[in-house]
C-alpha cells in the first residue's frame, strides 16, 4: 500500500485554512491525520522489512 504524504498534508493545510474550521472539526481532522501517520509508518516499516529480507537472502 503506497500512500502519498504530500497529498495528505496539502489536504490538511486546506482544512486548517478553511473559514469553517471549528475546534471540533479540527480535532476530528487531527485524529484522522494521526491515524494516517500511523498507517504511513506501518507501511514503510513493512516495505523496509521486505526489502531487507530480499536483500540478504
N, C-alpha and C. Protein backbone atom coordinates (compact mmCIF):
# COMPACT_ATOMS: atom_id res chain seq x y z
N UNK A 1 0.86 -1.18 0.00
CA UNK A 1 0.00 0.00 0.00
C UNK A 1 0.90 1.24 0.00
N UNK A 2 0.78 2.03 -1.03
CA UNK A 2 1.59 3.24 -1.12
C UNK A 2 0.73 4.46 -0.84
N UNK A 3 1.16 5.27 0.10
CA UNK A 3 0.44 6.49 0.45
C UNK A 3 1.32 7.68 0.11
N UNK A 4 0.71 8.74 -0.36
CA UNK A 4 1.46 9.93 -0.72
C UNK A 4 1.33 10.98 0.38
N UNK A 5 2.35 11.13 1.23
CA UNK A 5 2.28 12.08 2.34
C UNK A 5 2.04 13.52 1.89
N UNK A 6 2.56 13.89 0.72
CA UNK A 6 2.38 15.27 0.25
C UNK A 6 0.91 15.59 0.04
N UNK A 7 0.16 14.65 -0.52
CA UNK A 7 -1.28 14.88 -0.73
C UNK A 7 -1.99 15.06 0.61
N UNK A 8 -1.61 14.25 1.58
CA UNK A 8 -2.28 14.32 2.88
C UNK A 8 -2.06 15.67 3.54
N UNK A 9 -0.83 16.18 3.48
CA UNK A 9 -0.54 17.44 4.15
C UNK A 9 -1.11 18.63 3.39
N UNK A 10 -1.25 18.51 2.07
CA UNK A 10 -1.92 19.57 1.31
C UNK A 10 -3.38 19.65 1.74
N UNK A 11 -4.02 18.50 1.90
CA UNK A 11 -5.40 18.48 2.36
C UNK A 11 -5.51 19.06 3.76
N UNK A 12 -4.57 18.72 4.63
CA UNK A 12 -4.59 19.24 5.99
C UNK A 12 -4.49 20.76 5.99
N UNK A 13 -3.59 21.31 5.18
CA UNK A 13 -3.44 22.77 5.15
C UNK A 13 -4.71 23.42 4.62
N UNK A 14 -5.38 22.77 3.69
CA UNK A 14 -6.64 23.30 3.18
C UNK A 14 -7.67 23.39 4.30
N UNK A 15 -7.80 22.31 5.08
CA UNK A 15 -8.77 22.32 6.17
C UNK A 15 -8.39 23.31 7.27
N UNK A 16 -7.11 23.42 7.55
CA UNK A 16 -6.67 24.33 8.60
C UNK A 16 -6.94 25.78 8.21
N UNK A 17 -6.87 26.09 6.91
CA UNK A 17 -7.08 27.46 6.44
C UNK A 17 -8.55 27.75 6.13
N UNK A 18 -9.39 26.74 6.25
CA UNK A 18 -10.80 26.91 5.94
C UNK A 18 -11.46 27.83 6.95
N UNK A 19 -12.32 28.71 6.46
CA UNK A 19 -13.02 29.64 7.35
C UNK A 19 -14.05 28.91 8.20
N UNK A 20 -14.38 27.67 7.83
CA UNK A 20 -15.37 26.89 8.57
C UNK A 20 -14.72 25.93 9.56
N UNK A 21 -13.44 26.11 9.84
CA UNK A 21 -12.72 25.18 10.69
C UNK A 21 -13.04 25.43 12.16
N UNK A 22 -14.02 24.71 12.66
CA UNK A 22 -14.39 24.82 14.07
C UNK A 22 -13.42 23.98 14.91
N UNK A 23 -13.32 24.25 16.21
CA UNK A 23 -12.42 23.45 17.05
C UNK A 23 -12.73 21.96 16.99
N UNK A 24 -14.02 21.60 16.96
CA UNK A 24 -14.39 20.18 16.90
C UNK A 24 -13.94 19.58 15.57
N UNK A 25 -14.13 20.32 14.49
CA UNK A 25 -13.71 19.84 13.17
C UNK A 25 -12.19 19.65 13.14
N UNK A 26 -11.46 20.60 13.70
CA UNK A 26 -10.00 20.48 13.74
C UNK A 26 -9.57 19.27 14.58
N UNK A 27 -10.31 18.99 15.64
CA UNK A 27 -10.00 17.83 16.48
C UNK A 27 -10.18 16.54 15.68
N UNK A 28 -11.27 16.46 14.94
CA UNK A 28 -11.55 15.27 14.12
C UNK A 28 -10.47 15.11 13.04
N UNK A 29 -10.11 16.22 12.41
CA UNK A 29 -9.06 16.19 11.37
C UNK A 29 -7.74 15.74 11.98
N UNK A 30 -7.42 16.26 13.15
CA UNK A 30 -6.18 15.91 13.83
C UNK A 30 -6.13 14.41 14.12
N UNK A 31 -7.24 13.85 14.62
CA UNK A 31 -7.29 12.42 14.91
C UNK A 31 -7.13 11.60 13.63
N UNK A 32 -7.75 12.06 12.55
CA UNK A 32 -7.65 11.35 11.28
C UNK A 32 -6.21 11.34 10.78
N UNK A 33 -5.52 12.46 10.92
CA UNK A 33 -4.14 12.53 10.45
C UNK A 33 -3.19 11.74 11.33
N UNK A 34 -3.50 11.64 12.62
CA UNK A 34 -2.67 10.79 13.49
C UNK A 34 -2.80 9.33 13.04
N UNK A 35 -4.02 8.91 12.72
CA UNK A 35 -4.24 7.55 12.24
C UNK A 35 -3.53 7.33 10.91
N UNK A 36 -3.61 8.31 10.03
CA UNK A 36 -2.96 8.21 8.72
C UNK A 36 -1.45 8.13 8.87
N UNK A 37 -0.90 8.92 9.78
CA UNK A 37 0.54 8.89 10.02
C UNK A 37 0.98 7.51 10.51
N UNK A 38 0.17 6.92 11.40
CA UNK A 38 0.49 5.57 11.88
C UNK A 38 0.48 4.57 10.73
N UNK A 39 -0.48 4.72 9.80
CA UNK A 39 -0.53 3.83 8.64
C UNK A 39 0.70 4.00 7.76
N UNK A 40 1.13 5.25 7.56
CA UNK A 40 2.31 5.51 6.73
C UNK A 40 3.54 4.85 7.35
N UNK A 41 3.70 5.02 8.66
CA UNK A 41 4.86 4.44 9.35
C UNK A 41 4.81 2.92 9.27
N UNK A 42 3.62 2.35 9.50
CA UNK A 42 3.47 0.89 9.44
C UNK A 42 3.77 0.38 8.03
N UNK A 43 3.27 1.07 7.02
CA UNK A 43 3.50 0.68 5.63
C UNK A 43 4.99 0.76 5.29
N UNK A 44 5.64 1.84 5.71
CA UNK A 44 7.07 2.00 5.45
C UNK A 44 7.86 0.90 6.16
N UNK A 45 7.50 0.59 7.39
CA UNK A 45 8.21 -0.44 8.14
C UNK A 45 8.08 -1.79 7.45
N UNK A 46 6.88 -2.08 6.94
CA UNK A 46 6.65 -3.35 6.23
C UNK A 46 7.49 -3.40 4.96
N UNK A 47 7.48 -2.32 4.19
CA UNK A 47 8.26 -2.29 2.95
C UNK A 47 9.76 -2.41 3.25
N UNK A 48 10.22 -1.75 4.30
CA UNK A 48 11.63 -1.83 4.67
C UNK A 48 12.00 -3.25 5.07
N UNK A 49 11.12 -3.90 5.84
CA UNK A 49 11.38 -5.28 6.26
C UNK A 49 11.43 -6.22 5.05
N UNK A 50 10.51 -6.02 4.09
CA UNK A 50 10.50 -6.86 2.89
C UNK A 50 11.77 -6.62 2.07
N UNK A 51 12.19 -5.38 1.96
CA UNK A 51 13.42 -5.06 1.22
C UNK A 51 14.63 -5.71 1.89
N UNK A 52 14.70 -5.56 3.21
CA UNK A 52 15.83 -6.11 3.95
C UNK A 52 15.90 -7.62 3.81
N UNK A 53 14.73 -8.27 3.89
CA UNK A 53 14.68 -9.72 3.77
C UNK A 53 15.14 -10.15 2.38
N UNK A 54 14.65 -9.47 1.35
CA UNK A 54 15.03 -9.79 -0.02
C UNK A 54 16.49 -9.49 -0.30
N UNK A 55 17.01 -8.47 0.33
CA UNK A 55 18.39 -8.05 0.10
C UNK A 55 19.38 -9.06 0.65
N UNK A 56 19.07 -9.62 1.82
CA UNK A 56 20.03 -10.50 2.48
C UNK A 56 19.89 -11.96 2.10
N UNK A 57 18.82 -12.33 1.35
CA UNK A 57 18.65 -13.75 1.00
C UNK A 57 19.15 -14.02 -0.39
